[in-house]
N, C-alpha and C. Protein backbone atom coordinates (compact mmCIF):
# COMPACT_ATOMS: atom_id res chain seq x y z
N MET A 1 42.11 -21.61 -165.52
CA MET A 1 41.26 -20.43 -165.55
C MET A 1 40.02 -20.72 -166.38
N MET A 2 38.84 -20.34 -165.86
CA MET A 2 37.58 -20.61 -166.53
C MET A 2 37.26 -19.51 -167.54
N GLU A 3 36.68 -19.92 -168.66
CA GLU A 3 36.25 -18.96 -169.67
C GLU A 3 34.83 -18.52 -169.34
N ALA A 4 34.61 -17.24 -169.07
CA ALA A 4 33.32 -16.73 -168.60
C ALA A 4 32.23 -16.83 -169.66
N VAL A 5 32.56 -16.56 -170.92
CA VAL A 5 31.54 -16.51 -171.96
C VAL A 5 30.94 -17.88 -172.22
N GLY A 6 31.74 -18.93 -172.24
CA GLY A 6 31.23 -20.26 -172.56
C GLY A 6 30.90 -21.11 -171.37
N ASP A 7 30.97 -20.58 -170.18
CA ASP A 7 30.73 -21.34 -168.96
C ASP A 7 29.23 -21.46 -168.71
N PRO A 8 28.65 -22.66 -168.91
CA PRO A 8 27.20 -22.82 -168.73
C PRO A 8 26.75 -22.56 -167.29
N GLU A 9 27.57 -22.91 -166.33
CA GLU A 9 27.20 -22.67 -164.93
C GLU A 9 27.10 -21.17 -164.65
N LEU A 10 28.04 -20.41 -165.20
CA LEU A 10 28.02 -18.96 -165.03
C LEU A 10 26.79 -18.37 -165.73
N GLN A 11 26.48 -18.89 -166.91
CA GLN A 11 25.31 -18.40 -167.63
C GLN A 11 24.03 -18.66 -166.83
N ARG A 12 23.90 -19.85 -166.24
CA ARG A 12 22.71 -20.16 -165.42
C ARG A 12 22.64 -19.23 -164.21
N PHE A 13 23.79 -18.97 -163.59
CA PHE A 13 23.83 -18.07 -162.44
C PHE A 13 23.37 -16.67 -162.85
N ILE A 14 23.87 -16.18 -163.97
CA ILE A 14 23.50 -14.84 -164.45
C ILE A 14 22.01 -14.79 -164.76
N GLU A 15 21.48 -15.82 -165.40
CA GLU A 15 20.05 -15.87 -165.71
C GLU A 15 19.22 -15.88 -164.43
N ALA A 16 19.64 -16.66 -163.44
CA ALA A 16 18.91 -16.72 -162.17
C ALA A 16 18.93 -15.37 -161.47
N GLU A 17 20.09 -14.72 -161.46
CA GLU A 17 20.19 -13.41 -160.82
C GLU A 17 19.35 -12.36 -161.55
N THR A 18 19.33 -12.44 -162.87
CA THR A 18 18.51 -11.52 -163.66
C THR A 18 17.04 -11.72 -163.34
N GLN A 19 16.61 -12.98 -163.23
CA GLN A 19 15.22 -13.26 -162.87
C GLN A 19 14.89 -12.73 -161.48
N LYS A 20 15.81 -12.91 -160.54
CA LYS A 20 15.59 -12.38 -159.18
C LYS A 20 15.43 -10.87 -159.22
N GLN A 21 16.29 -10.21 -160.00
CA GLN A 21 16.23 -8.75 -160.09
C GLN A 21 14.90 -8.30 -160.69
N ARG A 22 14.44 -8.99 -161.74
CA ARG A 22 13.14 -8.65 -162.33
C ARG A 22 12.01 -8.84 -161.33
N PHE A 23 12.06 -9.95 -160.60
CA PHE A 23 11.02 -10.22 -159.61
C PHE A 23 11.02 -9.15 -158.52
N GLN A 24 12.20 -8.78 -158.03
CA GLN A 24 12.28 -7.75 -157.00
C GLN A 24 11.76 -6.42 -157.53
N GLY A 25 12.02 -6.13 -158.79
CA GLY A 25 11.49 -4.91 -159.40
C GLY A 25 9.98 -4.92 -159.45
N LEU A 26 9.40 -6.07 -159.79
CA LEU A 26 7.94 -6.18 -159.82
C LEU A 26 7.34 -6.03 -158.43
N VAL A 27 7.98 -6.64 -157.44
CA VAL A 27 7.49 -6.52 -156.06
C VAL A 27 7.54 -5.06 -155.61
N HIS A 28 8.63 -4.38 -155.93
CA HIS A 28 8.76 -2.96 -155.57
C HIS A 28 7.66 -2.14 -156.25
N GLN A 29 7.45 -2.40 -157.54
CA GLN A 29 6.42 -1.68 -158.29
C GLN A 29 5.04 -1.95 -157.70
N LEU A 30 4.78 -3.21 -157.39
CA LEU A 30 3.51 -3.60 -156.79
C LEU A 30 3.30 -2.92 -155.44
N THR A 31 4.31 -2.95 -154.61
CA THR A 31 4.21 -2.34 -153.28
C THR A 31 3.92 -0.85 -153.38
N GLU A 32 4.66 -0.17 -154.25
CA GLU A 32 4.47 1.27 -154.41
C GLU A 32 3.07 1.59 -154.94
N LEU A 33 2.65 0.87 -155.96
CA LEU A 33 1.34 1.10 -156.57
C LEU A 33 0.20 0.88 -155.57
N CYS A 34 0.23 -0.27 -154.91
CA CYS A 34 -0.86 -0.61 -153.99
C CYS A 34 -0.84 0.26 -152.73
N TRP A 35 0.34 0.62 -152.27
CA TRP A 35 0.42 1.51 -151.09
C TRP A 35 -0.23 2.85 -151.41
N GLU A 36 0.12 3.43 -152.56
CA GLU A 36 -0.46 4.72 -152.95
C GLU A 36 -1.96 4.63 -153.13
N LYS A 37 -2.43 3.53 -153.66
CA LYS A 37 -3.85 3.36 -153.94
C LYS A 37 -4.67 3.07 -152.69
N CYS A 38 -4.12 2.29 -151.77
CA CYS A 38 -4.93 1.74 -150.69
C CYS A 38 -4.69 2.34 -149.31
N MET A 39 -3.56 2.94 -149.08
CA MET A 39 -3.23 3.39 -147.72
C MET A 39 -3.44 4.89 -147.59
N GLU A 40 -4.61 5.24 -147.04
CA GLU A 40 -4.92 6.66 -146.88
C GLU A 40 -4.17 7.27 -145.70
N LYS A 41 -4.26 6.62 -144.55
CA LYS A 41 -3.55 7.11 -143.37
C LYS A 41 -3.03 5.92 -142.58
N PRO A 42 -1.72 5.72 -142.59
CA PRO A 42 -1.13 4.58 -141.88
C PRO A 42 -1.45 4.62 -140.39
N GLY A 43 -1.71 3.47 -139.83
CA GLY A 43 -2.00 3.35 -138.42
C GLY A 43 -1.38 2.07 -137.87
N PRO A 44 -1.66 1.76 -136.61
CA PRO A 44 -1.07 0.57 -136.00
C PRO A 44 -1.65 -0.74 -136.55
N LYS A 45 -2.87 -0.66 -137.12
CA LYS A 45 -3.51 -1.86 -137.68
C LYS A 45 -4.06 -1.54 -139.07
N LEU A 46 -4.21 -2.58 -139.85
CA LEU A 46 -4.78 -2.44 -141.18
C LEU A 46 -6.30 -2.61 -141.07
N ASP A 47 -7.04 -1.58 -141.49
CA ASP A 47 -8.50 -1.71 -141.42
C ASP A 47 -9.00 -2.60 -142.55
N THR A 48 -10.24 -3.06 -142.43
CA THR A 48 -10.77 -4.02 -143.40
C THR A 48 -10.86 -3.42 -144.80
N ARG A 49 -11.16 -2.15 -144.90
CA ARG A 49 -11.24 -1.49 -146.21
C ARG A 49 -9.89 -1.50 -146.89
N SER A 50 -8.85 -1.11 -146.17
CA SER A 50 -7.50 -1.10 -146.73
C SER A 50 -7.02 -2.51 -147.07
N GLU A 51 -7.33 -3.45 -146.19
CA GLU A 51 -6.93 -4.83 -146.45
C GLU A 51 -7.57 -5.37 -147.72
N SER A 52 -8.87 -5.12 -147.90
CA SER A 52 -9.56 -5.55 -149.11
C SER A 52 -8.96 -4.87 -150.34
N CYS A 53 -8.64 -3.61 -150.20
CA CYS A 53 -8.05 -2.86 -151.30
C CYS A 53 -6.69 -3.47 -151.69
N PHE A 54 -5.86 -3.78 -150.70
CA PHE A 54 -4.55 -4.38 -150.97
C PHE A 54 -4.69 -5.73 -151.68
N VAL A 55 -5.60 -6.57 -151.18
CA VAL A 55 -5.80 -7.89 -151.80
C VAL A 55 -6.24 -7.72 -153.25
N ASN A 56 -7.21 -6.84 -153.48
CA ASN A 56 -7.70 -6.61 -154.84
C ASN A 56 -6.60 -6.03 -155.72
N CYS A 57 -5.84 -5.10 -155.20
CA CYS A 57 -4.76 -4.47 -155.96
C CYS A 57 -3.71 -5.50 -156.38
N VAL A 58 -3.30 -6.33 -155.46
CA VAL A 58 -2.30 -7.36 -155.76
C VAL A 58 -2.84 -8.33 -156.81
N GLU A 59 -4.07 -8.78 -156.64
CA GLU A 59 -4.66 -9.72 -157.59
C GLU A 59 -4.78 -9.12 -158.98
N ARG A 60 -5.19 -7.87 -159.08
CA ARG A 60 -5.31 -7.21 -160.39
C ARG A 60 -3.93 -6.99 -161.01
N PHE A 61 -2.95 -6.65 -160.20
CA PHE A 61 -1.58 -6.46 -160.69
C PHE A 61 -1.05 -7.77 -161.28
N ILE A 62 -1.25 -8.86 -160.57
CA ILE A 62 -0.79 -10.18 -161.04
C ILE A 62 -1.54 -10.55 -162.32
N ASP A 63 -2.85 -10.36 -162.33
CA ASP A 63 -3.66 -10.67 -163.52
C ASP A 63 -3.17 -9.86 -164.73
N ALA A 64 -2.95 -8.58 -164.52
CA ALA A 64 -2.52 -7.72 -165.63
C ALA A 64 -1.15 -8.13 -166.15
N ASN A 65 -0.22 -8.44 -165.25
CA ASN A 65 1.10 -8.87 -165.69
C ASN A 65 1.04 -10.20 -166.43
N GLN A 66 0.24 -11.12 -165.95
CA GLN A 66 0.09 -12.42 -166.62
C GLN A 66 -0.52 -12.24 -168.00
N PHE A 67 -1.52 -11.37 -168.10
CA PHE A 67 -2.15 -11.09 -169.40
C PHE A 67 -1.12 -10.52 -170.37
N ILE A 68 -0.33 -9.56 -169.91
CA ILE A 68 0.67 -8.94 -170.77
C ILE A 68 1.72 -9.96 -171.22
N LEU A 69 2.21 -10.78 -170.29
CA LEU A 69 3.19 -11.80 -170.66
C LEU A 69 2.63 -12.79 -171.67
N ASN A 70 1.39 -13.24 -171.45
CA ASN A 70 0.75 -14.16 -172.39
C ASN A 70 0.58 -13.52 -173.77
N ARG A 71 0.19 -12.27 -173.77
CA ARG A 71 -0.01 -11.55 -175.04
C ARG A 71 1.31 -11.38 -175.77
N LEU A 72 2.36 -11.03 -175.06
CA LEU A 72 3.67 -10.89 -175.69
C LEU A 72 4.15 -12.22 -176.26
N GLU A 73 3.93 -13.29 -175.51
CA GLU A 73 4.33 -14.61 -175.97
C GLU A 73 3.58 -14.99 -177.25
N GLN A 74 2.27 -14.73 -177.28
CA GLN A 74 1.48 -15.04 -178.47
C GLN A 74 1.96 -14.21 -179.67
N THR A 75 2.23 -12.95 -179.44
CA THR A 75 2.70 -12.07 -180.51
C THR A 75 4.04 -12.54 -181.05
N GLN A 76 4.95 -12.89 -180.14
CA GLN A 76 6.27 -13.34 -180.56
C GLN A 76 6.19 -14.68 -181.28
N LYS A 77 5.34 -15.58 -180.81
CA LYS A 77 5.18 -16.88 -181.48
C LYS A 77 4.62 -16.69 -182.89
N SER A 78 3.67 -15.79 -183.03
CA SER A 78 3.08 -15.58 -184.34
C SER A 78 4.08 -14.97 -185.32
N ARG A 79 5.08 -14.29 -184.80
CA ARG A 79 6.13 -13.72 -185.65
C ARG A 79 7.33 -14.65 -185.78
N GLY A 80 7.34 -15.73 -185.00
CA GLY A 80 8.46 -16.65 -185.06
C GLY A 80 9.67 -16.19 -184.28
N VAL A 81 9.55 -15.08 -183.57
CA VAL A 81 10.67 -14.51 -182.84
C VAL A 81 10.91 -15.28 -181.54
N PHE A 82 9.82 -15.69 -180.89
CA PHE A 82 9.93 -16.31 -179.57
C PHE A 82 10.75 -17.59 -179.64
N THR A 83 10.48 -18.46 -180.59
CA THR A 83 11.20 -19.72 -180.68
C THR A 83 12.65 -19.50 -181.07
N GLU A 84 12.91 -18.50 -181.90
CA GLU A 84 14.29 -18.21 -182.27
C GLU A 84 15.09 -17.69 -181.08
N SER A 85 14.48 -16.82 -180.28
CA SER A 85 15.20 -16.25 -179.14
C SER A 85 15.47 -17.31 -178.08
N LEU A 86 14.62 -18.31 -177.96
CA LEU A 86 14.84 -19.37 -176.99
C LEU A 86 16.02 -20.26 -177.38
N SER A 87 16.26 -20.41 -178.65
CA SER A 87 17.33 -21.28 -179.10
C SER A 87 18.70 -20.62 -179.05
N ASP A 88 18.72 -19.30 -178.86
CA ASP A 88 20.02 -18.58 -178.78
C ASP A 88 20.78 -18.90 -177.55
């Protein structure tokens, strides 16, 4: 019988699944945000205005998330928390 707490393979699986869940959450958030912002009246085709809006919305969403992650990492490094949490 395998011990769940000390099983490195299980830990990697849990981490991978957690990352997938976070990514899916971001995609859902992005889809909802950009749909509300860019889609005035759904039709059979995407007009150029809506398409440009979606592209811009996605790019700004990615930029904002990257900025926030970088800022959090810098803040945690300056406090020494980031390196400690990685070693746990």
